[in-house]
N, C-alpha and C. Protein backbone atom coordinates (compact mmCIF):
# COMPACT_ATOMS: atom_id res chain seq x y z
N MET A 1 21.49 -33.72 25.02
CA MET A 1 21.21 -33.22 23.68
C MET A 1 19.79 -32.66 23.60
N LYS A 2 18.82 -33.38 24.16
CA LYS A 2 17.44 -32.92 24.10
C LYS A 2 17.24 -31.67 24.96
N LYS A 3 17.92 -31.61 26.12
CA LYS A 3 17.79 -30.43 26.98
C LYS A 3 18.36 -29.19 26.28
N GLU A 4 19.49 -29.36 25.60
CA GLU A 4 20.08 -28.23 24.89
C GLU A 4 19.15 -27.75 23.79
N PHE A 5 18.51 -28.68 23.09
CA PHE A 5 17.59 -28.33 22.02
C PHE A 5 16.38 -27.58 22.57
N ARG A 6 15.83 -28.05 23.69
CA ARG A 6 14.68 -27.38 24.31
C ARG A 6 15.06 -25.98 24.79
N GLN A 7 16.25 -25.84 25.36
CA GLN A 7 16.69 -24.52 25.82
C GLN A 7 16.89 -23.57 24.64
N GLU A 8 17.38 -24.09 23.53
CA GLU A 8 17.57 -23.27 22.34
C GLU A 8 16.23 -22.78 21.80
N ILE A 9 15.22 -23.63 21.83
CA ILE A 9 13.88 -23.23 21.38
C ILE A 9 13.31 -22.18 22.32
N LYS A 10 13.48 -22.34 23.62
CA LYS A 10 12.97 -21.37 24.58
C LYS A 10 13.63 -20.00 24.40
N LYS A 11 14.92 -19.99 24.04
CA LYS A 11 15.61 -18.73 23.83
C LYS A 11 15.05 -17.99 22.62
N LYS A 12 14.68 -18.72 21.57
CA LYS A 12 14.21 -18.09 20.35
C LYS A 12 12.82 -17.49 20.50
N VAL A 13 11.98 -18.05 21.36
CA VAL A 13 10.58 -17.64 21.44
C VAL A 13 10.28 -16.87 22.72
N ASP A 14 11.27 -16.48 23.46
CA ASP A 14 11.06 -15.83 24.74
C ASP A 14 10.71 -14.35 24.53
N PHE A 15 9.42 -14.00 24.69
CA PHE A 15 8.97 -12.63 24.49
C PHE A 15 9.31 -11.73 25.67
N LYS A 16 9.56 -12.30 26.83
CA LYS A 16 9.85 -11.49 28.01
C LYS A 16 11.19 -10.77 27.87
N ASN A 17 12.17 -11.43 27.26
CA ASN A 17 13.50 -10.86 27.15
C ASN A 17 13.75 -10.15 25.82
N MET A 18 12.73 -10.07 24.97
CA MET A 18 12.90 -9.42 23.68
C MET A 18 12.88 -7.91 23.83
N SER A 19 13.63 -7.24 22.98
CA SER A 19 13.57 -5.78 22.96
C SER A 19 12.31 -5.35 22.21
N GLU A 20 12.00 -4.07 22.29
CA GLU A 20 10.79 -3.56 21.64
C GLU A 20 10.86 -3.71 20.12
N ALA A 21 12.05 -3.51 19.55
CA ALA A 21 12.21 -3.66 18.10
C ALA A 21 12.00 -5.10 17.67
N GLU A 22 12.51 -6.05 18.45
CA GLU A 22 12.32 -7.47 18.11
C GLU A 22 10.86 -7.87 18.21
N LYS A 23 10.14 -7.33 19.20
CA LYS A 23 8.71 -7.63 19.31
C LYS A 23 7.94 -7.08 18.12
N ASN A 24 8.24 -5.84 17.73
CA ASN A 24 7.57 -5.25 16.57
C ASN A 24 7.88 -6.05 15.31
N LEU A 25 9.13 -6.45 15.17
CA LEU A 25 9.54 -7.22 14.01
C LEU A 25 8.82 -8.56 13.95
N SER A 26 8.72 -9.25 15.07
CA SER A 26 8.07 -10.56 15.07
C SER A 26 6.57 -10.43 14.81
N THR A 27 5.91 -9.39 15.33
CA THR A 27 4.48 -9.25 15.07
C THR A 27 4.21 -8.87 13.62
N ILE A 28 5.02 -7.99 13.05
CA ILE A 28 4.82 -7.61 11.65
C ILE A 28 5.07 -8.80 10.73
N PHE A 29 6.17 -9.53 10.97
CA PHE A 29 6.47 -10.68 10.12
C PHE A 29 5.43 -11.79 10.30
N GLY A 30 4.92 -11.96 11.53
CA GLY A 30 3.88 -12.95 11.75
C GLY A 30 2.61 -12.63 10.98
N LYS A 31 2.22 -11.37 10.97
CA LYS A 31 1.03 -10.96 10.21
C LYS A 31 1.24 -11.15 8.71
N MET A 32 2.44 -10.85 8.23
CA MET A 32 2.72 -11.00 6.80
C MET A 32 2.70 -12.47 6.39
N ILE A 33 3.23 -13.35 7.25
CA ILE A 33 3.22 -14.78 6.94
C ILE A 33 1.80 -15.32 6.99
N LEU A 34 0.98 -14.84 7.94
CA LEU A 34 -0.42 -15.27 8.00
C LEU A 34 -1.18 -14.86 6.74
N LYS A 35 -0.92 -13.67 6.23
CA LYS A 35 -1.59 -13.24 5.00
C LYS A 35 -1.18 -14.12 3.82
N LYS A 36 0.09 -14.49 3.77
CA LYS A 36 0.56 -15.35 2.69
C LYS A 36 0.08 -16.79 2.83
N SER A 37 -0.28 -17.22 4.04
CA SER A 37 -0.66 -18.62 4.25
C SER A 37 -2.14 -18.88 4.02
N ILE A 38 -2.94 -17.87 3.74
CA ILE A 38 -4.37 -18.09 3.50
C ILE A 38 -4.59 -18.91 2.24
N ILE A 39 -3.92 -18.56 1.15
CA ILE A 39 -4.09 -19.29 -0.12
C ILE A 39 -3.62 -20.74 -0.01
N PRO A 40 -2.46 -21.04 0.60
CA PRO A 40 -2.08 -22.44 0.74
C PRO A 40 -3.06 -23.27 1.57
N ILE A 41 -3.66 -22.69 2.59
CA ILE A 41 -4.65 -23.43 3.39
C ILE A 41 -5.88 -23.74 2.55
N ILE A 42 -6.32 -22.78 1.75
CA ILE A 42 -7.46 -23.02 0.87
C ILE A 42 -7.12 -24.11 -0.15
N LEU A 43 -5.90 -24.09 -0.68
CA LEU A 43 -5.48 -25.13 -1.63
C LEU A 43 -5.49 -26.52 -1.01
N ILE A 44 -5.12 -26.62 0.25
CA ILE A 44 -5.13 -27.92 0.92
C ILE A 44 -6.56 -28.45 1.03
N PHE A 45 -7.49 -27.59 1.44
CA PHE A 45 -8.89 -28.03 1.54
C PHE A 45 -9.47 -28.38 0.17
N VAL A 46 -9.13 -27.62 -0.85
CA VAL A 46 -9.62 -27.93 -2.20
C VAL A 46 -9.01 -29.24 -2.68
N ALA A 47 -7.74 -29.48 -2.37
CA ALA A 47 -7.10 -30.72 -2.80
C ALA A 47 -7.74 -31.94 -2.15
N PHE A 48 -8.20 -31.80 -0.92
CA PHE A 48 -8.79 -32.96 -0.25
C PHE A 48 -10.28 -33.10 -0.53
N PHE A 49 -11.04 -32.03 -0.32
CA PHE A 49 -12.49 -32.13 -0.46
C PHE A 49 -12.97 -31.85 -1.88
N GLY A 50 -12.26 -31.04 -2.63
CA GLY A 50 -12.69 -30.71 -3.99
C GLY A 50 -12.45 -31.82 -4.98
N THR A 51 -11.51 -32.71 -4.71
CA THR A 51 -11.22 -33.80 -5.64
C THR A 51 -12.05 -35.04 -5.36
N LYS A 52 -12.99 -34.94 -4.44
CA LYS A 52 -13.80 -36.10 -4.06
C LYS A 52 -14.65 -36.61 -5.23
N SER A 53 -15.11 -35.72 -6.08
CA SER A 53 -16.01 -36.13 -7.16
C SER A 53 -15.29 -36.87 -8.28
N PHE A 54 -14.06 -36.50 -8.60
CA PHE A 54 -13.39 -37.16 -9.72
C PHE A 54 -12.22 -38.04 -9.31
N ILE A 55 -11.89 -38.13 -8.02
CA ILE A 55 -10.91 -39.11 -7.52
C ILE A 55 -11.59 -39.85 -6.37
N PRO A 56 -12.24 -40.97 -6.66
CA PRO A 56 -12.99 -41.66 -5.59
C PRO A 56 -12.09 -42.39 -4.59
N ASN A 57 -10.88 -42.75 -4.98
CA ASN A 57 -10.00 -43.48 -4.08
C ASN A 57 -9.42 -42.52 -3.03
N ILE A 58 -9.63 -42.85 -1.75
CA ILE A 58 -9.20 -41.99 -0.65
C ILE A 58 -7.68 -41.88 -0.57
N TRP A 59 -6.97 -42.95 -0.92
CA TRP A 59 -5.51 -42.93 -0.81
C TRP A 59 -4.88 -42.03 -1.87
N VAL A 60 -5.47 -42.00 -3.05
CA VAL A 60 -4.96 -41.11 -4.09
C VAL A 60 -5.23 -39.65 -3.70
N ARG A 61 -6.42 -39.39 -3.15
CA ARG A 61 -6.74 -38.04 -2.68
C ARG A 61 -5.80 -37.61 -1.56
N LEU A 62 -5.50 -38.54 -0.66
CA LEU A 62 -4.58 -38.24 0.43
C LEU A 62 -3.18 -37.94 -0.11
N LEU A 63 -2.75 -38.69 -1.10
CA LEU A 63 -1.45 -38.45 -1.72
C LEU A 63 -1.41 -37.08 -2.39
N VAL A 64 -2.47 -36.72 -3.10
CA VAL A 64 -2.53 -35.40 -3.74
C VAL A 64 -2.48 -34.30 -2.68
N THR A 65 -3.20 -34.51 -1.58
CA THR A 65 -3.21 -33.52 -0.50
C THR A 65 -1.83 -33.39 0.13
N LEU A 66 -1.14 -34.50 0.33
CA LEU A 66 0.21 -34.45 0.91
C LEU A 66 1.19 -33.74 -0.02
N VAL A 67 1.05 -33.94 -1.32
CA VAL A 67 1.92 -33.25 -2.27
C VAL A 67 1.66 -31.74 -2.22
N VAL A 68 0.38 -31.36 -2.15
CA VAL A 68 0.04 -29.93 -2.05
C VAL A 68 0.57 -29.35 -0.74
N MET A 69 0.47 -30.11 0.35
CA MET A 69 0.97 -29.63 1.64
C MET A 69 2.49 -29.44 1.60
N ALA A 70 3.20 -30.37 0.98
CA ALA A 70 4.65 -30.24 0.89
C ALA A 70 5.04 -29.01 0.06
N GLY A 71 4.33 -28.80 -1.04
CA GLY A 71 4.59 -27.61 -1.85
C GLY A 71 4.33 -26.33 -1.09
N ASN A 72 3.24 -26.31 -0.33
CA ASN A 72 2.91 -25.12 0.46
C ASN A 72 3.93 -24.88 1.57
N PHE A 73 4.42 -25.96 2.16
CA PHE A 73 5.44 -25.84 3.21
C PHE A 73 6.69 -25.16 2.67
N PHE A 74 7.16 -25.62 1.51
CA PHE A 74 8.37 -25.03 0.95
C PHE A 74 8.13 -23.61 0.44
N TYR A 75 6.90 -23.32 -0.01
CA TYR A 75 6.55 -21.96 -0.42
C TYR A 75 6.62 -21.01 0.77
N LEU A 76 6.04 -21.40 1.90
CA LEU A 76 6.06 -20.54 3.09
C LEU A 76 7.46 -20.45 3.70
N LYS A 77 8.22 -21.54 3.61
CA LYS A 77 9.60 -21.51 4.12
C LYS A 77 10.46 -20.55 3.31
N LYS A 78 10.28 -20.57 1.99
CA LYS A 78 11.02 -19.66 1.14
C LYS A 78 10.63 -18.21 1.41
N TYR A 79 9.34 -17.96 1.65
CA TYR A 79 8.88 -16.61 1.97
C TYR A 79 9.44 -16.15 3.32
N ARG A 80 9.47 -17.06 4.29
CA ARG A 80 10.03 -16.72 5.61
C ARG A 80 11.51 -16.37 5.50
N ASP A 81 12.25 -17.13 4.70
CA ASP A 81 13.67 -16.83 4.51
C ASP A 81 13.86 -15.48 3.82
N LYS A 82 12.94 -15.14 2.92
CA LYS A 82 13.01 -13.84 2.26
C LYS A 82 12.76 -12.71 3.25
N LEU A 83 11.89 -12.95 4.22
CA LEU A 83 11.60 -11.93 5.22
C LEU A 83 12.78 -11.70 6.16
N GLN A 84 13.61 -12.69 6.35
CA GLN A 84 14.70 -12.58 7.31
C GLN A 84 15.96 -11.95 6.72
N GLN A 85 15.88 -11.41 5.52
CA GLN A 85 17.02 -10.73 4.92
C GLN A 85 17.01 -9.27 5.37
N LEU A 86 17.45 -9.04 6.57
CA LEU A 86 17.45 -7.69 7.14
C LEU A 86 18.82 -7.05 6.97
N LYS A 87 18.80 -5.76 6.71
CA LYS A 87 20.04 -5.01 6.58
C LYS A 87 19.98 -3.84 7.56
N TYR A 88 21.08 -3.57 8.21
CA TYR A 88 21.15 -2.53 9.23
C TYR A 88 21.60 -1.22 8.60
N TYR A 89 20.85 -0.16 8.86
CA TYR A 89 21.20 1.17 8.40
C TYR A 89 21.21 2.13 9.58
N GLU A 90 22.11 3.08 9.54
CA GLU A 90 22.10 4.16 10.52
C GLU A 90 22.59 5.42 9.84
N GLY A 91 22.07 6.53 10.30
CA GLY A 91 22.47 7.80 9.72
C GLY A 91 21.53 8.91 10.12
N LYS A 92 21.79 10.08 9.58
CA LYS A 92 20.99 11.26 9.86
C LYS A 92 19.86 11.35 8.84
N VAL A 93 18.67 11.67 9.31
CA VAL A 93 17.51 11.79 8.42
C VAL A 93 17.61 13.11 7.67
N ILE A 94 17.67 13.03 6.36
CA ILE A 94 17.69 14.22 5.53
C ILE A 94 16.28 14.56 5.05
N TYR A 95 15.55 13.52 4.67
CA TYR A 95 14.25 13.73 4.05
C TYR A 95 13.32 12.60 4.47
N PHE A 96 12.12 12.95 4.88
CA PHE A 96 11.11 11.94 5.23
C PHE A 96 9.76 12.47 4.79
N GLN A 97 9.08 11.68 3.94
CA GLN A 97 7.78 12.11 3.44
C GLN A 97 6.86 10.91 3.26
N LYS A 98 5.59 11.13 3.56
CA LYS A 98 4.59 10.08 3.37
C LYS A 98 3.95 10.26 2.01
N LYS A 99 3.97 9.20 1.21
CA LYS A 99 3.30 9.19 -0.09
C LYS A 99 1.95 8.49 0.10
N GLU A 100 1.34 8.00 -0.97
CA GLU A 100 0.01 7.39 -0.88
C GLU A 100 -0.01 6.19 0.07
N ASN A 101 0.74 5.17 -0.24
CA ASN A 101 0.73 3.97 0.60
C ASN A 101 2.13 3.55 1.04
N TYR A 102 3.08 4.48 0.99
CA TYR A 102 4.43 4.17 1.44
C TYR A 102 5.10 5.45 1.92
N HIS A 103 6.26 5.29 2.54
CA HIS A 103 7.05 6.41 3.04
C HIS A 103 8.38 6.43 2.30
N GLU A 104 8.89 7.62 2.07
CA GLU A 104 10.23 7.77 1.51
C GLU A 104 11.14 8.35 2.58
N LEU A 105 12.28 7.72 2.75
CA LEU A 105 13.23 8.13 3.77
C LEU A 105 14.60 8.25 3.14
N LEU A 106 15.27 9.36 3.39
CA LEU A 106 16.61 9.57 2.87
C LEU A 106 17.54 9.74 4.07
N LEU A 107 18.46 8.79 4.22
CA LEU A 107 19.44 8.81 5.31
C LEU A 107 20.80 9.19 4.76
N LYS A 108 21.56 9.93 5.55
CA LYS A 108 22.93 10.23 5.17
C LYS A 108 23.85 9.52 6.12
N ASN A 109 24.58 8.56 5.58
CA ASN A 109 25.54 7.78 6.35
C ASN A 109 26.92 8.07 5.77
N GLY A 110 27.68 8.91 6.44
CA GLY A 110 28.98 9.30 5.90
C GLY A 110 28.77 10.27 4.75
N LYS A 111 29.31 9.94 3.59
CA LYS A 111 29.16 10.81 2.42
C LYS A 111 28.03 10.36 1.51
N LEU A 112 27.61 9.10 1.62
CA LEU A 112 26.61 8.58 0.70
C LEU A 112 25.20 8.66 1.28
N PRO A 113 24.27 9.30 0.58
CA PRO A 113 22.87 9.25 1.03
C PRO A 113 22.22 7.94 0.61
N ILE A 114 21.34 7.44 1.44
CA ILE A 114 20.65 6.17 1.19
C ILE A 114 19.16 6.46 1.12
N LYS A 115 18.54 6.08 0.00
CA LYS A 115 17.11 6.30 -0.17
C LYS A 115 16.38 4.99 0.09
N LEU A 116 15.43 5.01 1.03
CA LEU A 116 14.66 3.82 1.38
C LEU A 116 13.18 4.07 1.12
N THR A 117 12.53 3.11 0.49
CA THR A 117 11.08 3.14 0.30
C THR A 117 10.49 2.15 1.28
N ILE A 118 9.63 2.64 2.18
CA ILE A 118 9.14 1.82 3.28
C ILE A 118 7.62 1.72 3.18
N ARG A 119 7.11 0.48 3.22
CA ARG A 119 5.66 0.28 3.18
C ARG A 119 5.08 -0.05 4.54
N LYS A 120 5.81 -0.79 5.36
CA LYS A 120 5.28 -1.23 6.65
C LYS A 120 6.31 -1.05 7.74
N GLY A 121 5.81 -0.92 8.97
CA GLY A 121 6.65 -1.02 10.14
C GLY A 121 7.30 0.25 10.63
N ILE A 122 6.91 1.40 10.11
CA ILE A 122 7.55 2.62 10.57
C ILE A 122 6.50 3.55 11.17
N ASP A 123 6.90 4.25 12.21
CA ASP A 123 6.00 5.17 12.90
C ASP A 123 6.40 6.60 12.54
N GLU A 124 5.46 7.36 11.98
CA GLU A 124 5.76 8.72 11.54
C GLU A 124 6.12 9.64 12.71
N LYS A 125 5.55 9.37 13.86
CA LYS A 125 5.73 10.25 15.01
C LYS A 125 7.15 10.18 15.58
N LYS A 126 7.85 9.07 15.33
CA LYS A 126 9.18 8.89 15.89
C LYS A 126 10.30 9.47 15.03
N ILE A 127 9.97 9.94 13.83
CA ILE A 127 11.01 10.39 12.90
C ILE A 127 10.86 11.89 12.64
N ARG A 128 11.98 12.63 12.80
CA ARG A 128 12.01 14.04 12.46
C ARG A 128 13.28 14.30 11.64
N LYS A 129 13.30 15.44 11.02
CA LYS A 129 14.45 15.80 10.21
C LYS A 129 15.67 16.06 11.11
N ASN A 130 16.84 15.74 10.61
CA ASN A 130 18.14 15.88 11.31
C ASN A 130 18.24 15.01 12.56
N GLN A 131 17.48 13.96 12.63
CA GLN A 131 17.55 13.02 13.75
C GLN A 131 18.47 11.87 13.36
N PHE A 132 19.25 11.39 14.31
CA PHE A 132 20.08 10.21 14.07
C PHE A 132 19.19 8.98 14.21
N LEU A 133 19.16 8.14 13.20
CA LEU A 133 18.22 7.03 13.16
C LEU A 133 18.96 5.73 12.88
N ARG A 134 18.60 4.69 13.62
CA ARG A 134 19.11 3.34 13.38
C ARG A 134 17.92 2.45 13.08
N LEU A 135 18.01 1.67 12.00
CA LEU A 135 16.88 0.81 11.65
C LEU A 135 17.35 -0.42 10.90
N TYR A 136 16.50 -1.45 10.96
CA TYR A 136 16.66 -2.65 10.16
C TYR A 136 15.69 -2.55 9.00
N TYR A 137 16.17 -2.90 7.80
CA TYR A 137 15.36 -2.74 6.59
C TYR A 137 15.37 -4.03 5.79
N ASN A 138 14.19 -4.46 5.37
CA ASN A 138 14.04 -5.62 4.50
C ASN A 138 13.68 -5.10 3.12
N ASP A 139 14.60 -5.24 2.17
CA ASP A 139 14.40 -4.66 0.85
C ASP A 139 13.31 -5.35 0.03
N PRO A 140 13.21 -6.69 -0.01
CA PRO A 140 12.18 -7.29 -0.86
C PRO A 140 10.75 -6.93 -0.45
N GLU A 141 10.49 -6.82 0.84
CA GLU A 141 9.13 -6.54 1.32
C GLU A 141 8.94 -5.09 1.76
N LYS A 142 9.99 -4.29 1.72
CA LYS A 142 9.93 -2.87 2.09
C LYS A 142 9.43 -2.66 3.52
N VAL A 143 10.03 -3.38 4.47
CA VAL A 143 9.67 -3.28 5.88
C VAL A 143 10.86 -2.69 6.63
N ALA A 144 10.57 -1.74 7.52
CA ALA A 144 11.63 -1.13 8.33
C ALA A 144 11.22 -1.13 9.79
N ILE A 145 12.17 -1.46 10.66
CA ILE A 145 11.94 -1.45 12.10
C ILE A 145 12.99 -0.54 12.73
N ILE A 146 12.54 0.44 13.49
CA ILE A 146 13.44 1.38 14.14
C ILE A 146 14.02 0.75 15.40
N VAL A 147 15.34 0.86 15.55
CA VAL A 147 16.03 0.36 16.74
C VAL A 147 16.27 1.55 17.66
N GLU A 148 15.88 1.42 18.91
CA GLU A 148 16.05 2.53 19.85
C GLU A 148 17.11 2.20 20.88
């Protein structure tokens, strides 16, 4: 049982066997999670060291810190689950334009055109008009990863 669990963990984190799209996806999501985790880390330090003046009992301070840590854990877990909501799109590029801080992409898949607003994870040099494109798209965070 333990060997199977260890092998399963090794399969999930093996960067040598990952495709280029999976590597890009993991680095982008890792950076996004790190940005979101700055505030919870500061809250943990404030909960432990900032409450020293008005909560003199160390055990009460430790309990407050553990409650803050549990809340932060579930906050980051919920954010991670939101990042993993990927949807697969493929089609011909009809329209691609860079706006101020995002890109607009219009794909035609069959008869229905699909309009995607992308903020992160797309390379302008790899996309041209009338190109067949396959990508994974995360709608809540507006992240797209091109599959080659």
